[in-house]
PDB file of N, CA and C in Angstrom:
ATOM      1  N   UNK A   1       0.847  -1.163   0.000  1.00  0.00           N
ATOM      2  CA  UNK A   1       0.000   0.000   0.000  1.00  0.00           C
ATOM      3  C   UNK A   1       0.900   1.234   0.000  1.00  0.00           C
ATOM      4  N   UNK A   2       0.722   2.016  -0.996  1.00  0.00           N
ATOM      5  CA  UNK A   2       1.516   3.226  -1.157  1.00  0.00           C
ATOM      6  C   UNK A   2       0.741   4.413  -0.617  1.00  0.00           C
ATOM      7  N   UNK A   3       1.414   5.223   0.178  1.00  0.00           N
ATOM      8  CA  UNK A   3       0.729   6.395   0.700  1.00  0.00           C
ATOM      9  C   UNK A   3       1.222   7.619  -0.050  1.00  0.00           C
ATOM     10  N   UNK A   4       0.308   8.444  -0.389  1.00  0.00           N
ATOM     11  CA  UNK A   4       0.708   9.683  -1.067  1.00  0.00           C
ATOM     12  C   UNK A   4       1.135  10.690  -0.008  1.00  0.00           C
ATOM     13  N   UNK A   5       2.101  11.479  -0.362  1.00  0.00           N
ATOM     14  CA  UNK A   5       2.539  12.459   0.633  1.00  0.00           C
ATOM     15  C   UNK A   5       1.421  13.450   0.936  1.00  0.00           C
ATOM     16  N   UNK A   6       1.336  13.826   2.199  1.00  0.00           N
ATOM     17  CA  UNK A   6       0.316  14.794   2.592  1.00  0.00           C
ATOM     18  C   UNK A   6       0.642  16.146   1.988  1.00  0.00           C
ATOM     19  N   UNK A   7      -0.371  16.806   1.574  1.00  0.00           N
ATOM     20  CA  UNK A   7      -0.164  18.147   1.050  1.00  0.00           C
ATOM     21  C   UNK A   7      -0.034  19.100   2.242  1.00  0.00           C
ATOM     22  N   UNK A   8       0.998  19.902   2.217  1.00  0.00           N
ATOM     23  CA  UNK A   8       1.258  20.823   3.304  1.00  0.00           C
ATOM     24  C   UNK A   8       0.365  22.046   3.139  1.00  0.00           C
ATOM     25  N   UNK A   9      -0.510  22.285   4.114  1.00  0.00           N
ATOM     26  CA  UNK A   9      -1.421  23.417   3.997  1.00  0.00           C
ATOM     27  C   UNK A   9      -0.692  24.757   4.122  1.00  0.00           C
ATOM     28  N   UNK A  10       0.568  24.744   4.619  1.00  0.00           N
ATOM     29  CA  UNK A  10       1.338  25.978   4.749  1.00  0.00           C
ATOM     30  C   UNK A  10       2.260  26.205   3.556  1.00  0.00           C
ATOM     31  N   UNK A  11       2.278  25.290   2.597  1.00  0.00           N
ATOM     32  CA  UNK A  11       3.199  25.384   1.473  1.00  0.00           C
ATOM     33  C   UNK A  11       2.934  26.611   0.612  1.00  0.00           C
ATOM     34  N   UNK A  12       1.719  27.055   0.554  1.00  0.00           N
ATOM     35  CA  UNK A  12       1.420  28.217  -0.277  1.00  0.00           C
ATOM     36  C   UNK A  12       1.734  29.530   0.428  1.00  0.00           C
ATOM     37  N   UNK A  13       1.990  29.466   1.739  1.00  0.00           N
ATOM     38  CA  UNK A  13       2.326  30.678   2.477  1.00  0.00           C
ATOM     39  C   UNK A  13       3.804  31.008   2.297  1.00  0.00           C
ATOM     40  N   UNK A  14       4.110  32.284   2.298  1.00  0.00           N
ATOM     41  CA  UNK A  14       5.498  32.727   2.193  1.00  0.00           C
ATOM     42  C   UNK A  14       5.961  33.098   3.593  1.00  0.00           C
ATOM     43  N   UNK A  15       7.069  32.519   3.998  1.00  0.00           N
ATOM     44  CA  UNK A  15       7.566  32.805   5.338  1.00  0.00           C
ATOM     45  C   UNK A  15       8.176  34.201   5.386  1.00  0.00           C
ATOM     46  N   UNK A  16       8.322  34.735   6.583  1.00  0.00           N
ATOM     47  CA  UNK A  16       8.912  36.074   6.749  1.00  0.00           C
ATOM     48  C   UNK A  16      10.320  36.105   6.183  1.00  0.00           C
ATOM     49  N   UNK A  17      11.070  35.027   6.376  1.00  0.00           N
ATOM     50  CA  UNK A  17      12.435  34.965   5.860  1.00  0.00           C
ATOM     51  C   UNK A  17      12.449  35.042   4.340  1.00  0.00           C
ATOM     52  N   UNK A  18      11.543  34.308   3.695  1.00  0.00           N
ATOM     53  CA  UNK A  18      11.452  34.360   2.246  1.00  0.00           C
ATOM     54  C   UNK A  18      11.017  35.740   1.782  1.00  0.00           C
ATOM     55  N   UNK A  19      10.117  36.358   2.534  1.00  0.00           N
ATOM     56  CA  UNK A  19       9.598  37.665   2.164  1.00  0.00           C
ATOM     57  C   UNK A  19      10.696  38.729   2.218  1.00  0.00           C
ATOM     58  N   UNK A  20      11.577  38.641   3.192  1.00  0.00           N
ATOM     59  CA  UNK A  20      12.611  39.664   3.334  1.00  0.00           C
ATOM     60  C   UNK A  20      13.650  39.592   2.223  1.00  0.00           C
ATOM     61  N   UNK A  21      13.792  38.459   1.582  1.00  0.00           N
ATOM     62  CA  UNK A  21      14.750  38.343   0.487  1.00  0.00           C
ATOM     63  C   UNK A  21      14.057  38.287  -0.860  1.00  0.00           C
ATOM     64  N   UNK A  22      12.769  38.416  -0.860  1.00  0.00           N
ATOM     65  CA  UNK A  22      11.991  38.299  -2.083  1.00  0.00           C
ATOM     66  C   UNK A  22      12.248  39.503  -2.987  1.00  0.00           C
ATOM     67  N   UNK A  23      12.355  39.254  -4.274  1.00  0.00           N
ATOM     68  CA  UNK A  23      12.681  40.309  -5.234  1.00  0.00           C
ATOM     69  C   UNK A  23      11.659  41.436  -5.219  1.00  0.00           C
ATOM     70  N   UNK A  24      10.394  41.133  -5.049  1.00  0.00           N
ATOM     71  CA  UNK A  24       9.363  42.173  -5.050  1.00  0.00           C
ATOM     72  C   UNK A  24       9.552  43.129  -3.880  1.00  0.00           C
ATOM     73  N   UNK A  25       9.968  42.610  -2.739  1.00  0.00           N
ATOM     74  CA  UNK A  25      10.191  43.463  -1.569  1.00  0.00           C
ATOM     75  C   UNK A  25      11.410  44.346  -1.795  1.00  0.00           C
ATOM     76  N   UNK A  26      12.453  43.782  -2.385  1.00  0.00           N
ATOM     77  CA  UNK A  26      13.681  44.528  -2.609  1.00  0.00           C
ATOM     78  C   UNK A  26      13.509  45.637  -3.633  1.00  0.00           C
ATOM     79  N   UNK A  27      12.534  45.516  -4.507  1.00  0.00           N
ATOM     80  CA  UNK A  27      12.306  46.542  -5.522  1.00  0.00           C
ATOM     81  C   UNK A  27      11.052  47.343  -5.208  1.00  0.00           C
ATOM     82  N   UNK A  28      10.676  47.422  -3.950  1.00  0.00           N
ATOM     83  CA  UNK A  28       9.473  48.134  -3.539  1.00  0.00           C
ATOM     84  C   UNK A  28       9.633  49.633  -3.751  1.00  0.00           C
ATOM     85  N   UNK A  29       8.493  50.339  -3.729  1.00  0.00           N
ATOM     86  CA  UNK A  29       8.504  51.785  -3.921  1.00  0.00           C
ATOM     87  C   UNK A  29       9.175  52.503  -2.765  1.00  0.00           C
ATOM     88  N   UNK A  30       9.123  51.938  -1.569  1.00  0.00           N
ATOM     89  CA  UNK A  30       9.690  52.558  -0.380  1.00  0.00           C
ATOM     90  C   UNK A  30      10.853  51.710   0.129  1.00  0.00           C
ATOM     91  N   UNK A  31      12.058  51.937  -0.405  1.00  0.00           N
ATOM     92  CA  UNK A  31      13.181  51.094  -0.007  1.00  0.00           C
ATOM     93  C   UNK A  31      13.677  51.351   1.405  1.00  0.00           C
ATOM     94  N   UNK A  32      13.286  52.463   2.019  1.00  0.00           N
ATOM     95  CA  UNK A  32      13.726  52.769   3.374  1.00  0.00           C
ATOM     96  C   UNK A  32      15.052  53.487   3.382  1.00  0.00           C
ATOM     97  N   UNK A  33      15.471  53.909   4.548  1.00  0.00           N
ATOM     98  CA  UNK A  33      16.729  54.614   4.678  1.00  0.00           C
ATOM     99  C   UNK A  33      16.565  56.111   4.505  1.00  0.00           C
ATOM    100  N   UNK A  34      17.675  56.818   4.718  1.00  0.00           N
ATOM    101  CA  UNK A  34      17.682  58.269   4.623  1.00  0.00           C
ATOM    102  C   UNK A  34      17.798  58.690   3.164  1.00  0.00           C
ATOM    103  N   UNK A  35      17.084  59.754   2.764  1.00  0.00           N
ATOM    104  CA  UNK A  35      17.237  60.242   1.390  1.00  0.00           C
ATOM    105  C   UNK A  35      18.662  60.723   1.140  1.00  0.00           C
ATOM    106  N   UNK A  36      19.110  60.633  -0.094  1.00  0.00           N
ATOM    107  CA  UNK A  36      20.463  61.063  -0.439  1.00  0.00           C
ATOM    108  C   UNK A  36      20.582  62.574  -0.311  1.00  0.00           C
ATOM    109  N   UNK A  37      21.765  63.033   0.117  1.00  0.00           N
ATOM    110  CA  UNK A  37      22.032  64.460   0.230  1.00  0.00           C
ATOM    111  C   UNK A  37      22.365  65.028  -1.146  1.00  0.00           C
ATOM    112  N   UNK A  38      22.096  66.318  -1.318  1.00  0.00           N
ATOM    113  CA  UNK A  38      22.472  66.971  -2.570  1.00  0.00           C
ATOM    114  C   UNK A  38      23.984  67.201  -2.549  1.00  0.00           C
ATOM    115  N   UNK A  39      24.569  67.410  -3.723  1.00  0.00           N
ATOM    116  CA  UNK A  39      26.010  67.625  -3.802  1.00  0.00           C
ATOM    117  C   UNK A  39      26.429  68.877  -3.035  1.00  0.00           C
ATOM    118  N   UNK A  40      25.540  69.882  -2.968  1.00  0.00           N
ATOM    119  CA  UNK A  40      25.864  71.118  -2.260  1.00  0.00           C
ATOM    120  C   UNK A  40      25.953  70.918  -0.755  1.00  0.00           C
ATOM    121  N   UNK A  41      25.187  69.995  -0.204  1.00  0.00           N
ATOM    122  CA  UNK A  41      25.175  69.822   1.249  1.00  0.00           C
ATOM    123  C   UNK A  41      26.144  68.746   1.741  1.00  0.00           C
ATOM    124  N   UNK A  42      26.774  68.007   0.835  1.00  0.00           N
ATOM    125  CA  UNK A  42      27.737  66.982   1.254  1.00  0.00           C
ATOM    126  C   UNK A  42      29.034  67.629   1.705  1.00  0.00           C
ATOM    127  N   UNK A  43      29.565  67.142   2.813  1.00  0.00           N
ATOM    128  CA  UNK A  43      30.860  67.610   3.292  1.00  0.00           C
ATOM    129  C   UNK A  43      31.906  66.619   2.807  1.00  0.00           C
ATOM    130  N   UNK A  44      32.400  66.846   1.588  1.00  0.00           N
ATOM    131  CA  UNK A  44      33.294  65.865   0.978  1.00  0.00           C
ATOM    132  C   UNK A  44      34.727  66.375   0.819  1.00  0.00           C
ATOM    133  N   UNK A  45      34.949  67.662   1.035  1.00  0.00           N
ATOM    134  CA  UNK A  45      36.288  68.221   0.853  1.00  0.00           C
ATOM    135  C   UNK A  45      37.049  68.172   2.175  1.00  0.00           C
ATOM    136  N   UNK A  46      38.341  67.891   2.091  1.00  0.00           N
ATOM    137  CA  UNK A  46      39.161  67.760   3.300  1.00  0.00           C
ATOM    138  C   UNK A  46      40.226  68.849   3.316  1.00  0.00           C
ATOM    139  N   UNK A  47      40.515  69.320   4.521  1.00  0.00           N
ATOM    140  CA  UNK A  47      41.569  70.308   4.750  1.00  0.00           C
ATOM    141  C   UNK A  47      42.431  69.761   5.883  1.00  0.00           C
ATOM    142  N   UNK A  48      43.732  69.806   5.683  1.00  0.00           N
ATOM    143  CA  UNK A  48      44.646  69.325   6.714  1.00  0.00           C
ATOM    144  C   UNK A  48      45.296  70.524   7.385  1.00  0.00           C
ATOM    145  N   UNK A  49      45.412  70.470   8.692  1.00  0.00           N
ATOM    146  CA  UNK A  49      45.886  71.587   9.491  1.00  0.00           C
ATOM    147  C   UNK A  49      46.994  71.103  10.414  1.00  0.00           C
ATOM    148  N   UNK A  50      48.091  71.834  10.443  1.00  0.00           N
ATOM    149  CA  UNK A  50      49.194  71.496  11.338  1.00  0.00           C
ATOM    150  C   UNK A  50      49.239  72.529  12.448  1.00  0.00           C
ATOM    151  N   UNK A  51      49.228  72.053  13.682  1.00  0.00           N
ATOM    152  CA  UNK A  51      49.249  72.917  14.858  1.00  0.00           C
ATOM    153  C   UNK A  51      50.464  72.593  15.712  1.00  0.00           C
ATOM    154  N   UNK A  52      50.820  73.532  16.568  1.00  0.00           N
ATOM    155  CA  UNK A  52      51.848  73.226  17.559  1.00  0.00           C
ATOM    156  C   UNK A  52      51.205  72.348  18.624  1.00  0.00           C
ATOM    157  N   UNK A  53      52.041  71.758  19.436  1.00  0.00           N
ATOM    158  CA  UNK A  53      51.516  70.896  20.493  1.00  0.00           C
ATOM    159  C   UNK A  53      50.624  71.696  21.441  1.00  0.00           C
ATOM    160  N   UNK A  54      51.034  72.909  21.795  1.00  0.00           N
ATOM    161  CA  UNK A  54      50.253  73.747  22.706  1.00  0.00           C
ATOM    162  C   UNK A  54      48.926  74.166  22.067  1.00  0.00           C
ATOM    163  N   UNK A  55      48.934  74.501  20.767  1.00  0.00           N
ATOM    164  CA  UNK A  55      47.692  74.875  20.076  1.00  0.00           C
ATOM    165  C   UNK A  55      46.706  73.707  20.083  1.00  0.00           C
ATOM    166  N   UNK A  56      47.213  72.510  19.838  1.00  0.00           N
ATOM    167  CA  UNK A  56      46.357  71.321  19.832  1.00  0.00           C
ATOM    168  C   UNK A  56      45.805  71.054  21.229  1.00  0.00           C
ATOM    169  N   UNK A  57      46.620  71.231  22.250  1.00  0.00           N
ATOM    170  CA  UNK A  57      46.149  71.039  23.627  1.00  0.00           C
ATOM    171  C   UNK A  57      45.036  72.026  23.964  1.00  0.00           C
ATOM    172  N   UNK A  58      45.219  73.293  23.550  1.00  0.00           N
ATOM    173  CA  UNK A  58      44.188  74.304  23.804  1.00  0.00           C
ATOM    174  C   UNK A  58      42.897  73.968  23.066  1.00  0.00           C
ATOM    175  N   UNK A  59      43.038  73.499  21.837  1.00  0.00           N
ATOM    176  CA  UNK A  59      41.861  73.115  21.052  1.00  0.00           C
ATOM    177  C   UNK A  59      41.154  71.927  21.709  1.00  0.00           C
ATOM    178  N   UNK A  60      41.911  70.944  22.162  1.00  0.00           N
ATOM    179  CA  UNK A  60      41.328  69.788  22.846  1.00  0.00           C
ATOM    180  C   UNK A  60      40.630  70.195  24.137  1.00  0.00           C
ATOM    181  N   UNK A  61      41.253  71.103  24.897  1.00  0.00           N
ATOM    182  CA  UNK A  61      40.629  71.584  26.129  1.00  0.00           C
ATOM    183  C   UNK A  61      39.300  72.273  25.830  1.00  0.00           C
ATOM    184  N   UNK A  62      39.309  73.099  24.789  1.00  0.00           N
ATOM    185  CA  UNK A  62      38.091  73.820  24.411  1.00  0.00           C
ATOM    186  C   UNK A  62      36.981  72.845  24.008  1.00  0.00           C
ATOM    187  N   UNK A  63      37.319  71.857  23.175  1.00  0.00           N
ATOM    188  CA  UNK A  63      36.286  70.923  22.700  1.00  0.00           C
ATOM    189  C   UNK A  63      35.768  70.038  23.825  1.00  0.00           C
ATOM    190  N   UNK A  64      36.615  69.697  24.772  1.00  0.00           N
ATOM    191  CA  UNK A  64      36.142  68.915  25.929  1.00  0.00           C
ATOM    192  C   UNK A  64      35.206  69.751  26.797  1.00  0.00           C
ATOM    193  N   UNK A  65      35.547  71.025  26.961  1.00  0.00           N
ATOM    194  CA  UNK A  65      34.731  71.911  27.787  1.00  0.00           C
ATOM    195  C   UNK A  65      33.364  72.172  27.145  1.00  0.00           C
ATOM    196  N   UNK A  66      33.336  72.330  25.824  1.00  0.00           N
ATOM    197  CA  UNK A  66      32.084  72.664  25.129  1.00  0.00           C
ATOM    198  C   UNK A  66      31.319  71.439  24.654  1.00  0.00           C
ATOM    199  N   UNK A  67      31.983  70.293  24.576  1.00  0.00           N
ATOM    200  CA  UNK A  67      31.341  69.085  24.068  1.00  0.00           C
ATOM    201  C   UNK A  67      31.246  69.063  22.551  1.00  0.00           C
ATOM    202  N   UNK A  68      31.925  69.970  21.916  1.00  0.00           N
ATOM    203  CA  UNK A  68      31.913  70.076  20.458  1.00  0.00           C
ATOM    204  C   UNK A  68      33.042  69.229  19.878  1.00  0.00           C
ATOM    205  N   UNK A  69      32.891  68.768  18.652  1.00  0.00           N
ATOM    206  CA  UNK A  69      33.973  68.024  18.009  1.00  0.00           C
ATOM    207  C   UNK A  69      35.021  69.022  17.529  1.00  0.00           C
ATOM    208  N   UNK A  70      36.229  68.532  17.288  1.00  0.00           N
ATOM    209  CA  UNK A  70      37.302  69.401  16.802  1.00  0.00           C
ATOM    210  C   UNK A  70      36.908  69.990  15.447  1.00  0.00           C
ATOM    211  N   UNK A  71      36.426  69.145  14.540  1.00  0.00           N
ATOM    212  CA  UNK A  71      36.028  69.627  13.221  1.00  0.00           C
ATOM    213  C   UNK A  71      34.880  70.625  13.326  1.00  0.00           C
ATOM    214  N   UNK A  72      33.929  70.348  14.202  1.00  0.00           N
ATOM    215  CA  UNK A  72      32.801  71.257  14.387  1.00  0.00           C
ATOM    216  C   UNK A  72      33.227  72.602  14.931  1.00  0.00           C
ATOM    217  N   UNK A  73      34.175  72.598  15.870  1.00  0.00           N
ATOM    218  CA  UNK A  73      34.669  73.849  16.446  1.00  0.00           C
ATOM    219  C   UNK A  73      35.392  74.682  15.393  1.00  0.00           C
ATOM    220  N   UNK A  74      36.203  74.038  14.582  1.00  0.00           N
ATOM    221  CA  UNK A  74      36.933  74.752  13.529  1.00  0.00           C
ATOM    222  C   UNK A  74      35.955  75.282  12.486  1.00  0.00           C
ATOM    223  N   UNK A  75      34.990  74.450  12.078  1.00  0.00           N
ATOM    224  CA  UNK A  75      33.996  74.869  11.090  1.00  0.00           C
ATOM    225  C   UNK A  75      33.192  76.064  11.603  1.00  0.00           C
ATOM    226  N   UNK A  76      32.768  76.013  12.883  1.00  0.00           N
ATOM    227  CA  UNK A  76      31.994  77.109  13.465  1.00  0.00           C
ATOM    228  C   UNK A  76      32.819  78.386  13.524  1.00  0.00           C
ATOM    229  N   UNK A  77      34.103  78.275  13.935  1.00  0.00           N
ATOM    230  CA  UNK A  77      34.976  79.443  14.014  1.00  0.00           C
ATOM    231  C   UNK A  77      35.153  80.078  12.634  1.00  0.00           C
ATOM    232  N   UNK A  78      35.322  79.267  11.614  1.00  0.00           N
ATOM    233  CA  UNK A  78      35.465  79.795  10.253  1.00  0.00           C
ATOM    234  C   UNK A  78      34.183  80.482   9.786  1.00  0.00           C
ATOM    235  N   UNK A  79      33.028  79.919  10.158  1.00  0.00           N
ATOM    236  CA  UNK A  79      31.746  80.540   9.797  1.00  0.00           C
ATOM    237  C   UNK A  79      31.587  81.871  10.515  1.00  0.00           C
ATOM    238  N   UNK A  80      31.951  81.927  11.811  1.00  0.00           N
ATOM    239  CA  UNK A  80      31.832  83.168  12.577  1.00  0.00           C
ATOM    240  C   UNK A  80      32.741  84.259  12.018  1.00  0.00           C
ATOM    241  N   UNK A  81      33.878  83.870  11.474  1.00  0.00           N
ATOM    242  CA  UNK A  81      34.811  84.844  10.881  1.00  0.00           C
ATOM    243  C   UNK A  81      34.395  85.245   9.476  1.00  0.00           C
ATOM    244  N   UNK A  82      33.364  84.580   8.946  1.00  0.00           N
ATOM    245  CA  UNK A  82      32.891  84.905   7.598  1.00  0.00           C
ATOM    246  C   UNK A  82      33.732  84.318   6.492  1.00  0.00           C
ATOM    247  N   UNK A  83      34.572  83.353   6.816  1.00  0.00           N
ATOM    248  CA  UNK A  83      35.441  82.759   5.789  1.00  0.00           C
ATOM    249  C   UNK A  83      34.715  81.678   4.996  1.00  0.00           C
ATOM    250  N   UNK A  84      33.719  81.057   5.613  1.00  0.00           N
ATOM    251  CA  UNK A  84      32.952  80.046   4.869  1.00  0.00           C
ATOM    252  C   UNK A  84      31.469  80.340   5.032  1.00  0.00           C
TER     253      UNK A  84
END
């Protein structure tokens, strides 16, 4: 007597794992994530600055006191001076 395999009632369902890798999901209208920045707002240019040891210590002390990053402090100072 041969038994036929039972039909799986869940076989037609798509599991969450399959859904997350499914091509339709990957090409959805809302891919998620942050929108791309415009070229004008990207901070892509680099400037290198050489300081004396004492100048660097003073800059580090200032940034620790204010909680600002070194790059942020320099950028803000340049903006306040009207250079950028």
